[in-house]
């Protein structure tokens, strides 16, 4: 079915294209009788206004693009919800892109959002912040980093101190008497994973009798956690870590499933387990999961605030970096 144009509506109503435009955008300028005639023509022809095109002619759309690492991770779902709620308060809509920890998909979404001339982009980038984001911003698309920041503070960002979070997790495991800790997470190219590992290493270095084994994963998923858990369960008890710090709750839940499957490895008696993010499923696990809490919805809400300030700022705008502190949540998986 062909799209009905404004010109066709004008012809049906017997008015000018400008009059139709006024009825759509400034009806108070048009007589009630003419408004009624134009609206009847719109109804008869099935005309649907192209609001996106109108917004693009005005400069930018009323949409914000958000690119996350993994939309299957409830942490990012909560971030998106917080961003969506804040955007709605400003009459903006949120377009969600899932990079799925794939740099090509990330680039494709950035290209798409730039083509659509979005109001701005929020992104949790994979790896280091590269030239692609610098070019995007230089061409006029405000950009804010989510759950990440740059060392040189060249981008506005909202994040949680993941080094502090990793330190909290490992320190808690040490405090309950665990001395053989395994860190499970990856890819290491994800900055959040690297920072959480660094925090854990700092905590372990404070205790010479404590060791830290690093077990890399291909992704931050339940399946990868289950794979690692099966490997740990297959080890001799003397070779098995007595504690696991998983880089996120999805991995931790997978590890928990594998360790608990046959009942021969007990959590937390044999292996204490802590995750990261404190997603809703953590408290509902078969053994409620200790975790490092991030204020996910607040991160999304704050990111939109930063983006609005970024969009309104001039050439001398000073980029803002907001960093929240993580919180230790103790549950049964570490004896809480």
Foldseek 3Di string as FASTA:
>chain_A
DDADDLCQLCVQLVHDSVVLVCLVPPVVVDDPVSNVSSVVSCVVVVHDDPVLVVVVVVPAGLEEEEEEAAPVDVLQVLLVVLLQVLSVVVVGHYDYAHCVLPQVSVLVSLVVCVVSRHQAYEYQDQADDDVSVVVSVVVPHQYEYFQDADPVLPHAYEHAQLLLQLLVVLLLLVVLPFAEEEEEEDDCRRVSSVSSVNSNVVNNVVPVSHDYHYHYFPHLALCRLLVVLLVLCPDDLVPHGLEYEYAAVRSQLSNVCNQPVVPPHDFNVRYAYAHEQPRVCQCVHPFRHKYKHDPSSVSSNVRNVQRVVSSPDDPPDRHHYHYHYIDTGDGPNSDD
